[in-house]
Amino acid sequence: MPSDLSSAAFFLVAGLLVPGSNLVIQGVGLNPTRSSLLDFLLSIGAPIQVLKIESVNGELIGDIRVRHAPVRGA
């Protein structure tokens, strides 16, 4: 079962804010109705990449990479 994106949210934001960070979170659920956090982080300039997407039991899951970067207000 994939991890919920809300469970990964703290780590995504921490990876974005901590200098030198390069974090990959594996097996995160990427359900389009719940992935607005990724859209928001991208809109403020977060360098987020989805490295791999696959469908498991009808659910999209993927590995997400986030690196430290300055961001702008939203």
N, C-alpha and C. Protein backbone atom coordinates (compact mmCIF):
# COMPACT_ATOMS: atom_id res chain seq x y z
N MET A 1 0.85 -1.18 0.00
CA MET A 1 0.00 0.00 0.00
C MET A 1 0.89 1.24 0.00
N PRO A 2 0.64 2.20 -0.87
CA PRO A 2 1.48 3.39 -0.93
C PRO A 2 1.30 4.27 0.30
N SER A 3 2.34 5.01 0.61
CA SER A 3 2.26 5.99 1.69
C SER A 3 1.41 7.15 1.24
N ASP A 4 0.71 7.74 2.16
CA ASP A 4 -0.14 8.88 1.85
C ASP A 4 0.71 10.13 1.69
N LEU A 5 0.36 10.98 0.75
CA LEU A 5 1.11 12.21 0.51
C LEU A 5 1.11 13.11 1.74
N SER A 6 0.02 13.10 2.50
CA SER A 6 -0.02 13.93 3.71
C SER A 6 1.02 13.47 4.73
N SER A 7 1.36 12.20 4.74
CA SER A 7 2.40 11.69 5.63
C SER A 7 3.79 12.15 5.20
N ALA A 8 3.95 12.38 3.91
CA ALA A 8 5.24 12.81 3.36
C ALA A 8 5.40 14.33 3.39
N ALA A 9 4.33 15.08 3.66
CA ALA A 9 4.35 16.54 3.57
C ALA A 9 5.44 17.17 4.43
N PHE A 10 5.56 16.74 5.67
CA PHE A 10 6.57 17.30 6.57
C PHE A 10 7.96 17.13 5.98
N PHE A 11 8.25 15.95 5.48
CA PHE A 11 9.58 15.67 4.94
C PHE A 11 9.84 16.45 3.65
N LEU A 12 8.81 16.63 2.83
CA LEU A 12 8.96 17.42 1.61
C LEU A 12 9.33 18.86 1.95
N VAL A 13 8.62 19.45 2.89
CA VAL A 13 8.88 20.84 3.27
C VAL A 13 10.23 20.95 3.97
N ALA A 14 10.56 20.01 4.85
CA ALA A 14 11.85 20.04 5.53
C ALA A 14 12.99 19.92 4.52
N GLY A 15 12.85 19.04 3.54
CA GLY A 15 13.88 18.90 2.52
C GLY A 15 14.06 20.16 1.71
N LEU A 16 12.98 20.88 1.51
CA LEU A 16 13.03 22.13 0.77
C LEU A 16 13.75 23.22 1.57
N LEU A 17 13.58 23.23 2.88
CA LEU A 17 14.09 24.32 3.71
C LEU A 17 15.49 24.10 4.28
N VAL A 18 15.91 22.85 4.46
CA VAL A 18 17.20 22.56 5.09
C VAL A 18 18.32 22.63 4.04
N PRO A 19 19.28 23.54 4.23
CA PRO A 19 20.37 23.68 3.25
C PRO A 19 21.10 22.35 3.00
N GLY A 20 21.39 22.09 1.74
CA GLY A 20 22.11 20.88 1.35
C GLY A 20 21.25 19.64 1.19
N SER A 21 19.95 19.77 1.41
CA SER A 21 19.07 18.61 1.33
C SER A 21 18.91 18.09 -0.09
N ASN A 22 18.82 16.78 -0.19
CA ASN A 22 18.52 16.06 -1.43
C ASN A 22 17.81 14.79 -0.99
N LEU A 23 16.49 14.85 -0.90
CA LEU A 23 15.71 13.80 -0.28
C LEU A 23 14.83 13.10 -1.31
N VAL A 24 14.81 11.76 -1.26
CA VAL A 24 13.91 10.98 -2.10
C VAL A 24 12.99 10.19 -1.18
N ILE A 25 11.69 10.38 -1.39
CA ILE A 25 10.68 9.64 -0.62
C ILE A 25 10.06 8.65 -1.58
N GLN A 26 10.13 7.38 -1.23
CA GLN A 26 9.70 6.31 -2.13
C GLN A 26 8.28 5.85 -1.83
N GLY A 27 7.59 5.49 -2.90
CA GLY A 27 6.27 4.85 -2.77
C GLY A 27 5.18 5.75 -2.24
N VAL A 28 5.15 7.00 -2.69
CA VAL A 28 4.15 7.96 -2.21
C VAL A 28 2.91 7.89 -3.11
N GLY A 29 1.74 7.86 -2.51
CA GLY A 29 0.50 7.88 -3.28
C GLY A 29 0.33 9.21 -3.98
N LEU A 30 0.04 9.17 -5.27
CA LEU A 30 -0.07 10.39 -6.08
C LEU A 30 -1.47 10.57 -6.65
N ASN A 31 -2.45 10.25 -5.87
CA ASN A 31 -3.83 10.42 -6.28
C ASN A 31 -4.06 11.88 -6.67
N PRO A 32 -4.52 12.15 -7.88
CA PRO A 32 -4.67 13.54 -8.35
C PRO A 32 -5.55 14.40 -7.46
N THR A 33 -6.50 13.81 -6.75
CA THR A 33 -7.37 14.61 -5.88
C THR A 33 -6.69 15.00 -4.58
N ARG A 34 -5.51 14.42 -4.29
CA ARG A 34 -4.82 14.71 -3.04
C ARG A 34 -3.44 15.30 -3.24
N SER A 35 -3.06 15.55 -4.48
CA SER A 35 -1.69 16.00 -4.74
C SER A 35 -1.56 17.51 -4.89
N SER A 36 -2.52 18.27 -4.39
CA SER A 36 -2.45 19.73 -4.51
C SER A 36 -1.26 20.30 -3.75
N LEU A 37 -0.75 19.60 -2.75
CA LEU A 37 0.46 20.07 -2.06
C LEU A 37 1.62 20.16 -3.03
N LEU A 38 1.78 19.18 -3.89
CA LEU A 38 2.86 19.21 -4.88
C LEU A 38 2.67 20.39 -5.83
N ASP A 39 1.44 20.65 -6.26
CA ASP A 39 1.17 21.79 -7.14
C ASP A 39 1.55 23.09 -6.45
N PHE A 40 1.21 23.22 -5.17
CA PHE A 40 1.54 24.44 -4.43
C PHE A 40 3.05 24.61 -4.31
N LEU A 41 3.75 23.55 -3.90
CA LEU A 41 5.20 23.65 -3.74
C LEU A 41 5.88 23.99 -5.06
N LEU A 42 5.42 23.42 -6.14
CA LEU A 42 5.98 23.76 -7.45
C LEU A 42 5.71 25.23 -7.80
N SER A 43 4.55 25.74 -7.42
CA SER A 43 4.19 27.13 -7.75
C SER A 43 5.06 28.15 -7.01
N ILE A 44 5.66 27.75 -5.88
CA ILE A 44 6.53 28.68 -5.16
C ILE A 44 8.01 28.45 -5.48
N GLY A 45 8.25 27.59 -6.46
CA GLY A 45 9.62 27.39 -6.93
C GLY A 45 10.36 26.20 -6.34
N ALA A 46 9.65 25.31 -5.70
CA ALA A 46 10.30 24.13 -5.12
C ALA A 46 10.78 23.18 -6.23
N PRO A 47 12.04 22.74 -6.15
CA PRO A 47 12.56 21.80 -7.15
C PRO A 47 12.15 20.36 -6.83
N ILE A 48 10.92 20.05 -7.15
CA ILE A 48 10.37 18.72 -6.87
C ILE A 48 10.30 17.93 -8.18
N GLN A 49 10.73 16.68 -8.12
CA GLN A 49 10.66 15.79 -9.27
C GLN A 49 9.97 14.50 -8.85
N VAL A 50 9.11 14.00 -9.71
CA VAL A 50 8.56 12.66 -9.52
C VAL A 50 9.41 11.75 -10.38
N LEU A 51 10.19 10.90 -9.73
CA LEU A 51 11.18 10.09 -10.42
C LEU A 51 10.59 8.88 -11.11
N LYS A 52 9.54 8.35 -10.55
CA LYS A 52 8.97 7.12 -11.10
C LYS A 52 7.49 7.11 -10.75
N ILE A 53 6.66 6.81 -11.70
CA ILE A 53 5.22 6.68 -11.45
C ILE A 53 4.79 5.31 -11.94
N GLU A 54 4.00 4.64 -11.13
CA GLU A 54 3.43 3.37 -11.54
C GLU A 54 2.05 3.22 -10.91
N SER A 55 1.29 2.34 -11.48
CA SER A 55 -0.04 2.07 -10.96
C SER A 55 0.00 0.74 -10.20
N VAL A 56 -0.43 0.77 -8.96
CA VAL A 56 -0.49 -0.43 -8.13
C VAL A 56 -1.91 -0.54 -7.59
N ASN A 57 -2.59 -1.59 -7.98
CA ASN A 57 -3.98 -1.81 -7.58
C ASN A 57 -4.86 -0.60 -7.88
N GLY A 58 -4.62 0.03 -9.02
CA GLY A 58 -5.43 1.16 -9.45
C GLY A 58 -5.04 2.50 -8.85
N GLU A 59 -4.01 2.52 -8.02
CA GLU A 59 -3.54 3.77 -7.40
C GLU A 59 -2.20 4.17 -7.99
N LEU A 60 -2.05 5.45 -8.32
CA LEU A 60 -0.76 5.94 -8.77
C LEU A 60 0.17 6.13 -7.58
N ILE A 61 1.39 5.59 -7.70
CA ILE A 61 2.40 5.81 -6.68
C ILE A 61 3.69 6.23 -7.38
N GLY A 62 4.53 6.92 -6.64
CA GLY A 62 5.79 7.35 -7.24
C GLY A 62 6.81 7.70 -6.19
N ASP A 63 8.02 7.90 -6.65
CA ASP A 63 9.12 8.36 -5.80
C ASP A 63 9.28 9.85 -6.05
N ILE A 64 9.38 10.63 -4.98
CA ILE A 64 9.45 12.08 -5.09
C ILE A 64 10.80 12.55 -4.57
N ARG A 65 11.48 13.39 -5.37
CA ARG A 65 12.74 14.00 -4.94
C ARG A 65 12.51 15.48 -4.68
N VAL A 66 13.04 15.96 -3.56
CA VAL A 66 13.01 17.38 -3.24
C VAL A 66 14.41 17.79 -2.80
N ARG A 67 14.81 18.97 -3.22
CA ARG A 67 16.11 19.53 -2.86
C ARG A 67 15.90 20.88 -2.22
N HIS A 68 16.89 21.30 -1.46
CA HIS A 68 16.85 22.64 -0.86
C HIS A 68 16.85 23.69 -1.96
N ALA A 69 16.07 24.72 -1.75
CA ALA A 69 16.04 25.84 -2.69
C ALA A 69 15.33 27.02 -2.04
N PRO A 70 15.73 28.21 -2.44
CA PRO A 70 14.93 29.38 -1.98
C PRO A 70 13.58 29.36 -2.68
N VAL A 71 12.56 29.76 -1.98
CA VAL A 71 11.22 29.79 -2.56
C VAL A 71 10.65 31.20 -2.45
N ARG A 72 9.63 31.46 -3.25
CA ARG A 72 8.99 32.77 -3.20
C ARG A 72 7.60 32.59 -2.57
N GLY A 73 7.04 33.68 -2.10
CA GLY A 73 5.73 33.65 -1.48
C GLY A 73 4.65 33.25 -2.45
N ALA A 74 3.57 32.74 -1.91
CA ALA A 74 2.47 32.29 -2.76
C ALA A 74 1.24 33.13 -2.50
